[in-house]
Amino acid sequence: MGKRSQLTNDGTKPRFFVSAFYLGFLSLVAQTILLREMLAVFSGNEIVLGAILAFWLLWVGLGSLFGNWFSKRFSRSLKSLGWSYPVAV
């Protein structure tokens, strides 16, 4: 018998959850650094902070619309999921 990989209760591999956690954590760190740099470049007043957050939410919303379109247009196979990973980074 070959070596079996360990699965969680819902049948997914724990390695996926670890990589998703690291992707989210590194994204949060990068976004925090970017926000602090933008505040330093544009003298850090409230209007600049509001504009940065507004554009940030705009791009997140557009990204979710593109992700929805992408998921409907292409099959949900592991191959298409693998190709969408670089877009998330």
PDB file of N, CA and C in Angstrom:
ATOM      1  N   MET A   1       0.829  -1.184   0.000  1.00  0.00           N
ATOM      2  CA  MET A   1       0.000   0.000   0.000  1.00  0.00           C
ATOM      3  C   MET A   1       0.873   1.246   0.000  1.00  0.00           C
ATOM      4  N   GLY A   2       0.451   2.236  -0.763  1.00  0.00           N
ATOM      5  CA  GLY A   2       1.191   3.481  -0.825  1.00  0.00           C
ATOM      6  C   GLY A   2       0.870   4.378   0.356  1.00  0.00           C
ATOM      7  N   LYS A   3       1.653   5.386   0.489  1.00  0.00           N
ATOM      8  CA  LYS A   3       1.453   6.333   1.579  1.00  0.00           C
ATOM      9  C   LYS A   3       0.272   7.240   1.232  1.00  0.00           C
ATOM     10  N   ARG A   4      -0.666   7.369   2.146  1.00  0.00           N
ATOM     11  CA  ARG A   4      -1.847   8.193   1.907  1.00  0.00           C
ATOM     12  C   ARG A   4      -1.645   9.564   2.532  1.00  0.00           C
ATOM     13  N   SER A   5      -2.136  10.591   1.843  1.00  0.00           N
ATOM     14  CA  SER A   5      -2.028  11.931   2.412  1.00  0.00           C
ATOM     15  C   SER A   5      -3.144  12.137   3.435  1.00  0.00           C
ATOM     16  N   GLN A   6      -2.831  12.898   4.445  1.00  0.00           N
ATOM     17  CA  GLN A   6      -3.784  13.131   5.518  1.00  0.00           C
ATOM     18  C   GLN A   6      -4.801  14.175   5.070  1.00  0.00           C
ATOM     19  N   LEU A   7      -6.070  13.887   5.291  1.00  0.00           N
ATOM     20  CA  LEU A   7      -7.140  14.793   4.911  1.00  0.00           C
ATOM     21  C   LEU A   7      -7.809  15.350   6.157  1.00  0.00           C
ATOM     22  N   THR A   8      -8.413  16.533   6.012  1.00  0.00           N
ATOM     23  CA  THR A   8      -9.182  17.105   7.109  1.00  0.00           C
ATOM     24  C   THR A   8     -10.585  16.510   7.086  1.00  0.00           C
ATOM     25  N   ASN A   9     -11.458  16.959   7.976  1.00  0.00           N
ATOM     26  CA  ASN A   9     -12.808  16.403   8.080  1.00  0.00           C
ATOM     27  C   ASN A   9     -13.626  16.582   6.810  1.00  0.00           C
ATOM     28  N   ASP A  10     -13.444  17.690   6.098  1.00  0.00           N
ATOM     29  CA  ASP A  10     -14.237  17.912   4.890  1.00  0.00           C
ATOM     30  C   ASP A  10     -13.554  17.383   3.632  1.00  0.00           C
ATOM     31  N   GLY A  11     -12.457  16.663   3.759  1.00  0.00           N
ATOM     32  CA  GLY A  11     -11.825  16.017   2.614  1.00  0.00           C
ATOM     33  C   GLY A  11     -10.765  16.840   1.913  1.00  0.00           C
ATOM     34  N   THR A  12     -10.430  18.002   2.428  1.00  0.00           N
ATOM     35  CA  THR A  12      -9.410  18.831   1.791  1.00  0.00           C
ATOM     36  C   THR A  12      -8.083  18.651   2.507  1.00  0.00           C
ATOM     37  N   LYS A  13      -7.037  18.951   1.808  1.00  0.00           N
ATOM     38  CA  LYS A  13      -5.706  18.790   2.388  1.00  0.00           C
ATOM     39  C   LYS A  13      -5.351  19.997   3.258  1.00  0.00           C
ATOM     40  N   PRO A  14      -4.708  19.777   4.407  1.00  0.00           N
ATOM     41  CA  PRO A  14      -4.335  20.898   5.275  1.00  0.00           C
ATOM     42  C   PRO A  14      -3.317  21.826   4.628  1.00  0.00           C
ATOM     43  N   ARG A  15      -2.555  21.337   3.662  1.00  0.00           N
ATOM     44  CA  ARG A  15      -1.555  22.159   2.984  1.00  0.00           C
ATOM     45  C   ARG A  15      -2.218  23.344   2.279  1.00  0.00           C
ATOM     46  N   PHE A  16      -3.428  23.127   1.743  1.00  0.00           N
ATOM     47  CA  PHE A  16      -4.161  24.202   1.083  1.00  0.00           C
ATOM     48  C   PHE A  16      -4.482  25.313   2.072  1.00  0.00           C
ATOM     49  N   PHE A  17      -4.915  24.944   3.273  1.00  0.00           N
ATOM     50  CA  PHE A  17      -5.274  25.949   4.266  1.00  0.00           C
ATOM     51  C   PHE A  17      -4.055  26.731   4.741  1.00  0.00           C
ATOM     52  N   VAL A  18      -2.932  26.078   4.852  1.00  0.00           N
ATOM     53  CA  VAL A  18      -1.706  26.767   5.263  1.00  0.00           C
ATOM     54  C   VAL A  18      -1.286  27.764   4.193  1.00  0.00           C
ATOM     55  N   SER A  19      -1.337  27.356   2.921  1.00  0.00           N
ATOM     56  CA  SER A  19      -0.948  28.277   1.849  1.00  0.00           C
ATOM     57  C   SER A  19      -1.941  29.429   1.735  1.00  0.00           C
ATOM     58  N   ALA A  20      -3.228  29.179   1.947  1.00  0.00           N
ATOM     59  CA  ALA A  20      -4.218  30.254   1.915  1.00  0.00           C
ATOM     60  C   ALA A  20      -3.991  31.229   3.068  1.00  0.00           C
ATOM     61  N   PHE A  21      -3.626  30.718   4.237  1.00  0.00           N
ATOM     62  CA  PHE A  21      -3.333  31.581   5.379  1.00  0.00           C
ATOM     63  C   PHE A  21      -2.137  32.479   5.086  1.00  0.00           C
ATOM     64  N   TYR A  22      -1.059  31.894   4.545  1.00  0.00           N
ATOM     65  CA  TYR A  22       0.128  32.690   4.238  1.00  0.00           C
ATOM     66  C   TYR A  22      -0.148  33.719   3.153  1.00  0.00           C
ATOM     67  N   LEU A  23      -0.948  33.365   2.159  1.00  0.00           N
ATOM     68  CA  LEU A  23      -1.306  34.325   1.117  1.00  0.00           C
ATOM     69  C   LEU A  23      -2.066  35.502   1.718  1.00  0.00           C
ATOM     70  N   GLY A  24      -3.027  35.233   2.583  1.00  0.00           N
ATOM     71  CA  GLY A  24      -3.784  36.296   3.229  1.00  0.00           C
ATOM     72  C   GLY A  24      -2.927  37.142   4.154  1.00  0.00           C
ATOM     73  N   PHE A  25      -2.052  36.501   4.914  1.00  0.00           N
ATOM     74  CA  PHE A  25      -1.190  37.232   5.842  1.00  0.00           C
ATOM     75  C   PHE A  25      -0.223  38.145   5.090  1.00  0.00           C
ATOM     76  N   LEU A  26       0.412  37.627   4.045  1.00  0.00           N
ATOM     77  CA  LEU A  26       1.346  38.448   3.275  1.00  0.00           C
ATOM     78  C   LEU A  26       0.626  39.566   2.529  1.00  0.00           C
ATOM     79  N   SER A  27      -0.595  39.323   2.085  1.00  0.00           N
ATOM     80  CA  SER A  27      -1.375  40.379   1.445  1.00  0.00           C
ATOM     81  C   SER A  27      -1.690  41.491   2.432  1.00  0.00           C
ATOM     82  N   LEU A  28      -2.041  41.122   3.655  1.00  0.00           N
ATOM     83  CA  LEU A  28      -2.332  42.115   4.684  1.00  0.00           C
ATOM     84  C   LEU A  28      -1.102  42.950   5.011  1.00  0.00           C
ATOM     85  N   VAL A  29       0.050  42.318   5.116  1.00  0.00           N
ATOM     86  CA  VAL A  29       1.297  43.041   5.389  1.00  0.00           C
ATOM     87  C   VAL A  29       1.622  43.992   4.242  1.00  0.00           C
ATOM     88  N   ALA A  30       1.499  43.514   3.002  1.00  0.00           N
ATOM     89  CA  ALA A  30       1.801  44.359   1.841  1.00  0.00           C
ATOM     90  C   ALA A  30       0.846  45.541   1.760  1.00  0.00           C
ATOM     91  N   GLN A  31      -0.432  45.329   2.044  1.00  0.00           N
ATOM     92  CA  GLN A  31      -1.402  46.414   1.993  1.00  0.00           C
ATOM     93  C   GLN A  31      -1.140  47.441   3.085  1.00  0.00           C
ATOM     94  N   THR A  32      -0.755  47.005   4.256  1.00  0.00           N
ATOM     95  CA  THR A  32      -0.441  47.932   5.342  1.00  0.00           C
ATOM     96  C   THR A  32       0.779  48.774   5.003  1.00  0.00           C
ATOM     97  N   ILE A  33       1.799  48.148   4.455  1.00  0.00           N
ATOM     98  CA  ILE A  33       3.000  48.891   4.056  1.00  0.00           C
ATOM     99  C   ILE A  33       2.673  49.883   2.951  1.00  0.00           C
ATOM    100  N   LEU A  34       1.867  49.459   1.972  1.00  0.00           N
ATOM    101  CA  LEU A  34       1.481  50.354   0.877  1.00  0.00           C
ATOM    102  C   LEU A  34       0.689  51.546   1.402  1.00  0.00           C
ATOM    103  N   LEU A  35      -0.237  51.316   2.312  1.00  0.00           N
ATOM    104  CA  LEU A  35      -1.026  52.410   2.874  1.00  0.00           C
ATOM    105  C   LEU A  35      -0.137  53.390   3.636  1.00  0.00           C
ATOM    106  N   ARG A  36       0.791  52.893   4.407  1.00  0.00           N
ATOM    107  CA  ARG A  36       1.696  53.778   5.157  1.00  0.00           C
ATOM    108  C   ARG A  36       2.601  54.576   4.219  1.00  0.00           C
ATOM    109  N   GLU A  37       3.062  53.953   3.150  1.00  0.00           N
ATOM    110  CA  GLU A  37       3.899  54.670   2.183  1.00  0.00           C
ATOM    111  C   GLU A  37       3.104  55.766   1.478  1.00  0.00           C
ATOM    112  N   MET A  38       1.860  55.466   1.106  1.00  0.00           N
ATOM    113  CA  MET A  38       1.027  56.481   0.447  1.00  0.00           C
ATOM    114  C   MET A  38       0.732  57.644   1.388  1.00  0.00           C
ATOM    115  N   LEU A  39       0.528  57.358   2.658  1.00  0.00           N
ATOM    116  CA  LEU A  39       0.315  58.443   3.618  1.00  0.00           C
ATOM    117  C   LEU A  39       1.564  59.305   3.757  1.00  0.00           C
ATOM    118  N   ALA A  40       2.734  58.699   3.702  1.00  0.00           N
ATOM    119  CA  ALA A  40       3.980  59.464   3.799  1.00  0.00           C
ATOM    120  C   ALA A  40       4.208  60.300   2.545  1.00  0.00           C
ATOM    121  N   VAL A  41       3.904  59.749   1.378  1.00  0.00           N
ATOM    122  CA  VAL A  41       4.136  60.471   0.123  1.00  0.00           C
ATOM    123  C   VAL A  41       3.188  61.655  -0.012  1.00  0.00           C
ATOM    124  N   PHE A  42       1.909  61.469   0.361  1.00  0.00           N
ATOM    125  CA  PHE A  42       0.910  62.515   0.160  1.00  0.00           C
ATOM    126  C   PHE A  42       0.602  63.294   1.432  1.00  0.00           C
ATOM    127  N   SER A  43       1.527  63.381   2.340  1.00  0.00           N
ATOM    128  CA  SER A  43       1.450  64.197   3.559  1.00  0.00           C
ATOM    129  C   SER A  43       0.401  63.750   4.557  1.00  0.00           C
ATOM    130  N   GLY A  44      -0.213  62.645   4.370  1.00  0.00           N
ATOM    131  CA  GLY A  44      -1.032  61.969   5.362  1.00  0.00           C
ATOM    132  C   GLY A  44      -2.206  62.701   5.958  1.00  0.00           C
ATOM    133  N   ASN A  45      -3.011  63.433   5.190  1.00  0.00           N
ATOM    134  CA  ASN A  45      -4.204  64.024   5.780  1.00  0.00           C
ATOM    135  C   ASN A  45      -5.423  63.127   5.540  1.00  0.00           C
ATOM    136  N   GLU A  46      -6.582  63.535   6.084  1.00  0.00           N
ATOM    137  CA  GLU A  46      -7.769  62.676   6.052  1.00  0.00           C
ATOM    138  C   GLU A  46      -8.317  62.490   4.646  1.00  0.00           C
ATOM    139  N   ILE A  47      -8.225  63.504   3.811  1.00  0.00           N
ATOM    140  CA  ILE A  47      -8.749  63.386   2.442  1.00  0.00           C
ATOM    141  C   ILE A  47      -7.928  62.380   1.652  1.00  0.00           C
ATOM    142  N   VAL A  48      -6.635  62.403   1.829  1.00  0.00           N
ATOM    143  CA  VAL A  48      -5.780  61.431   1.137  1.00  0.00           C
ATOM    144  C   VAL A  48      -6.086  60.024   1.631  1.00  0.00           C
ATOM    145  N   LEU A  49      -6.260  59.870   2.933  1.00  0.00           N
ATOM    146  CA  LEU A  49      -6.590  58.558   3.481  1.00  0.00           C
ATOM    147  C   LEU A  49      -7.926  58.059   2.929  1.00  0.00           C
ATOM    148  N   GLY A  50      -8.914  58.933   2.849  1.00  0.00           N
ATOM    149  CA  GLY A  50     -10.214  58.554   2.282  1.00  0.00           C
ATOM    150  C   GLY A  50     -10.117  58.176   0.819  1.00  0.00           C
ATOM    151  N   ALA A  51      -9.317  58.927   0.045  1.00  0.00           N
ATOM    152  CA  ALA A  51      -9.151  58.611  -1.376  1.00  0.00           C
ATOM    153  C   ALA A  51      -8.438  57.275  -1.568  1.00  0.00           C
ATOM    154  N   ILE A  52      -7.423  57.024  -0.766  1.00  0.00           N
ATOM    155  CA  ILE A  52      -6.693  55.751  -0.873  1.00  0.00           C
ATOM    156  C   ILE A  52      -7.626  54.585  -0.573  1.00  0.00           C
ATOM    157  N   LEU A  53      -8.399  54.692   0.500  1.00  0.00           N
ATOM    158  CA  LEU A  53      -9.310  53.606   0.858  1.00  0.00           C
ATOM    159  C   LEU A  53     -10.435  53.448  -0.164  1.00  0.00           C
ATOM    160  N   ALA A  54     -10.924  54.561  -0.739  1.00  0.00           N
ATOM    161  CA  ALA A  54     -11.980  54.477  -1.751  1.00  0.00           C
ATOM    162  C   ALA A  54     -11.482  53.768  -3.005  1.00  0.00           C
ATOM    163  N   PHE A  55     -10.293  54.135  -3.476  1.00  0.00           N
ATOM    164  CA  PHE A  55      -9.754  53.454  -4.656  1.00  0.00           C
ATOM    165  C   PHE A  55      -9.417  52.000  -4.358  1.00  0.00           C
ATOM    166  N   TRP A  56      -8.974  51.745  -3.155  1.00  0.00           N
ATOM    167  CA  TRP A  56      -8.678  50.376  -2.743  1.00  0.00           C
ATOM    168  C   TRP A  56      -9.942  49.516  -2.840  1.00  0.00           C
ATOM    169  N   LEU A  57     -11.049  50.014  -2.273  1.00  0.00           N
ATOM    170  CA  LEU A  57     -12.306  49.274  -2.330  1.00  0.00           C
ATOM    171  C   LEU A  57     -12.820  49.149  -3.757  1.00  0.00           C
ATOM    172  N   LEU A  58     -12.598  50.168  -4.578  1.00  0.00           N
ATOM    173  CA  LEU A  58     -12.997  50.096  -5.985  1.00  0.00           C
ATOM    174  C   LEU A  58     -12.280  48.958  -6.689  1.00  0.00           C
ATOM    175  N   TRP A  59     -10.968  48.869  -6.508  1.00  0.00           N
ATOM    176  CA  TRP A  59     -10.204  47.808  -7.173  1.00  0.00           C
ATOM    177  C   TRP A  59     -10.547  46.433  -6.627  1.00  0.00           C
ATOM    178  N   VAL A  60     -10.842  46.341  -5.333  1.00  0.00           N
ATOM    179  CA  VAL A  60     -11.264  45.053  -4.769  1.00  0.00           C
ATOM    180  C   VAL A  60     -12.606  44.638  -5.373  1.00  0.00           C
ATOM    181  N   GLY A  61     -13.518  45.583  -5.515  1.00  0.00           N
ATOM    182  CA  GLY A  61     -14.813  45.285  -6.130  1.00  0.00           C
ATOM    183  C   GLY A  61     -14.682  44.871  -7.580  1.00  0.00           C
ATOM    184  N   LEU A  62     -13.839  45.581  -8.337  1.00  0.00           N
ATOM    185  CA  LEU A  62     -13.620  45.200  -9.735  1.00  0.00           C
ATOM    186  C   LEU A  62     -12.952  43.834  -9.838  1.00  0.00           C
ATOM    187  N   GLY A  63     -12.059  43.542  -8.908  1.00  0.00           N
ATOM    188  CA  GLY A  63     -11.424  42.225  -8.896  1.00  0.00           C
ATOM    189  C   GLY A  63     -12.419  41.118  -8.610  1.00  0.00           C
ATOM    190  N   SER A  64     -13.378  41.373  -7.727  1.00  0.00           N
ATOM    191  CA  SER A  64     -14.386  40.345  -7.449  1.00  0.00           C
ATOM    192  C   SER A  64     -15.321  40.160  -8.637  1.00  0.00           C
ATOM    193  N   LEU A  65     -15.649  41.239  -9.356  1.00  0.00           N
ATOM    194  CA  LEU A  65     -16.449  41.095 -10.575  1.00  0.00           C
ATOM    195  C   LEU A  65     -15.705  40.291 -11.631  1.00  0.00           C
ATOM    196  N   PHE A  66     -14.419  40.567 -11.801  1.00  0.00           N
ATOM    197  CA  PHE A  66     -13.617  39.801 -12.754  1.00  0.00           C
ATOM    198  C   PHE A  66     -13.515  38.341 -12.331  1.00  0.00           C
ATOM    199  N   GLY A  67     -13.351  38.099 -11.042  1.00  0.00           N
ATOM    200  CA  GLY A  67     -13.289  36.726 -10.549  1.00  0.00           C
ATOM    201  C   GLY A  67     -14.588  35.978 -10.790  1.00  0.00           C
ATOM    202  N   ASN A  68     -15.720  36.656 -10.618  1.00  0.00           N
ATOM    203  CA  ASN A  68     -17.012  36.039 -10.895  1.00  0.00           C
ATOM    204  C   ASN A  68     -17.133  35.700 -12.378  1.00  0.00           C
ATOM    205  N   TRP A  69     -16.763  36.630 -13.236  1.00  0.00           N
ATOM    206  CA  TRP A  69     -16.805  36.389 -14.680  1.00  0.00           C
ATOM    207  C   TRP A  69     -15.873  35.248 -15.063  1.00  0.00           C
ATOM    208  N   PHE A  70     -14.683  35.237 -14.476  1.00  0.00           N
ATOM    209  CA  PHE A  70     -13.690  34.208 -14.776  1.00  0.00           C
ATOM    210  C   PHE A  70     -14.192  32.828 -14.363  1.00  0.00           C
ATOM    211  N   SER A  71     -14.834  32.751 -13.199  1.00  0.00           N
ATOM    212  CA  SER A  71     -15.299  31.444 -12.722  1.00  0.00           C
ATOM    213  C   SER A  71     -16.462  30.917 -13.553  1.00  0.00           C
ATOM    214  N   LYS A  72     -17.293  31.810 -14.099  1.00  0.00           N
ATOM    215  CA  LYS A  72     -18.400  31.359 -14.942  1.00  0.00           C
ATOM    216  C   LYS A  72     -17.940  31.004 -16.348  1.00  0.00           C
ATOM    217  N   ARG A  73     -16.927  31.700 -16.827  1.00  0.00           N
ATOM    218  CA  ARG A  73     -16.478  31.487 -18.202  1.00  0.00           C
ATOM    219  C   ARG A  73     -15.668  30.204 -18.344  1.00  0.00           C
ATOM    220  N   PHE A  74     -14.841  29.901 -17.387  1.00  0.00           N
ATOM    221  CA  PHE A  74     -13.967  28.738 -17.465  1.00  0.00           C
ATOM    222  C   PHE A  74     -14.467  27.658 -16.516  1.00  0.00           C
ATOM    223  N   SER A  75     -14.072  26.448 -16.782  1.00  0.00           N
ATOM    224  CA  SER A  75     -14.507  25.336 -15.932  1.00  0.00           C
ATOM    225  C   SER A  75     -13.873  25.454 -14.557  1.00  0.00           C
ATOM    226  N   ARG A  76     -14.454  24.774 -13.624  1.00  0.00           N
ATOM    227  CA  ARG A  76     -13.962  24.829 -12.245  1.00  0.00           C
ATOM    228  C   ARG A  76     -12.976  23.710 -11.959  1.00  0.00           C
ATOM    229  N   SER A  77     -12.235  23.347 -12.937  1.00  0.00           N
ATOM    230  CA  SER A  77     -11.256  22.285 -12.731  1.00  0.00           C
ATOM    231  C   SER A  77     -10.050  22.822 -11.965  1.00  0.00           C
ATOM    232  N   LEU A  78      -9.219  21.932 -11.521  1.00  0.00           N
ATOM    233  CA  LEU A  78      -8.017  22.345 -10.796  1.00  0.00           C
ATOM    234  C   LEU A  78      -7.067  23.124 -11.694  1.00  0.00           C
ATOM    235  N   LYS A  79      -7.132  22.865 -12.996  1.00  0.00           N
ATOM    236  CA  LYS A  79      -6.257  23.584 -13.912  1.00  0.00           C
ATOM    237  C   LYS A  79      -6.607  25.073 -13.948  1.00  0.00           C
ATOM    238  N   SER A  80      -7.877  25.407 -14.061  1.00  0.00           N
ATOM    239  CA  SER A  80      -8.258  26.821 -14.084  1.00  0.00           C
ATOM    240  C   SER A  80      -8.037  27.472 -12.720  1.00  0.00           C
ATOM    241  N   LEU A  81      -8.207  26.705 -11.648  1.00  0.00           N
ATOM    242  CA  LEU A  81      -7.927  27.242 -10.321  1.00  0.00           C
ATOM    243  C   LEU A  81      -6.443  27.550 -10.167  1.00  0.00           C
ATOM    244  N   GLY A  82      -5.604  26.697 -10.717  1.00  0.00           N
ATOM    245  CA  GLY A  82      -4.164  26.934 -10.671  1.00  0.00           C
ATOM    246  C   GLY A  82      -3.752  28.165 -11.455  1.00  0.00           C
ATOM    247  N   TRP A  83      -4.424  28.420 -12.576  1.00  0.00           N
ATOM    248  CA  TRP A  83      -4.100  29.613 -13.366  1.00  0.00           C
ATOM    249  C   TRP A  83      -4.592  30.890 -12.700  1.00  0.00           C
ATOM    250  N   SER A  84      -5.607  30.808 -11.857  1.00  0.00           N
ATOM    251  CA  SER A  84      -6.103  32.012 -11.196  1.00  0.00           C
ATOM    252  C   SER A  84      -5.259  32.394  -9.978  1.00  0.00           C
ATOM    253  N   TYR A  85      -4.417  31.503  -9.503  1.00  0.00           N
ATOM    254  CA  TYR A  85      -3.591  31.798  -8.327  1.00  0.00           C
ATOM    255  C   TYR A  85      -2.642  32.974  -8.554  1.00  0.00           C
ATOM    256  N   PRO A  86      -1.919  33.076  -9.701  1.00  0.00           N
ATOM    257  CA  PRO A  86      -1.049  34.248  -9.890  1.00  0.00           C
ATOM    258  C   PRO A  86      -1.817  35.565  -9.921  1.00  0.00           C
ATOM    259  N   VAL A  87      -3.081  35.544 -10.324  1.00  0.00           N
ATOM    260  CA  VAL A  87      -3.882  36.762 -10.323  1.00  0.00           C
ATOM    261  C   VAL A  87      -4.106  37.230  -8.892  1.00  0.00           C
ATOM    262  N   ALA A  88      -4.263  36.300  -7.970  1.00  0.00           N
ATOM    263  CA  ALA A  88      -4.477  36.645  -6.565  1.00  0.00           C
ATOM    264  C   ALA A  88      -3.232  37.246  -5.933  1.00  0.00           C
ATOM    265  N   VAL A  89      -2.077  36.857  -6.422  1.00  0.00           N
ATOM    266  CA  VAL A  89      -0.831  37.365  -5.858  1.00  0.00           C
ATOM    267  C   VAL A  89      -0.608  38.743  -6.398  1.00  0.00           C
TER     268      VAL A  89
END
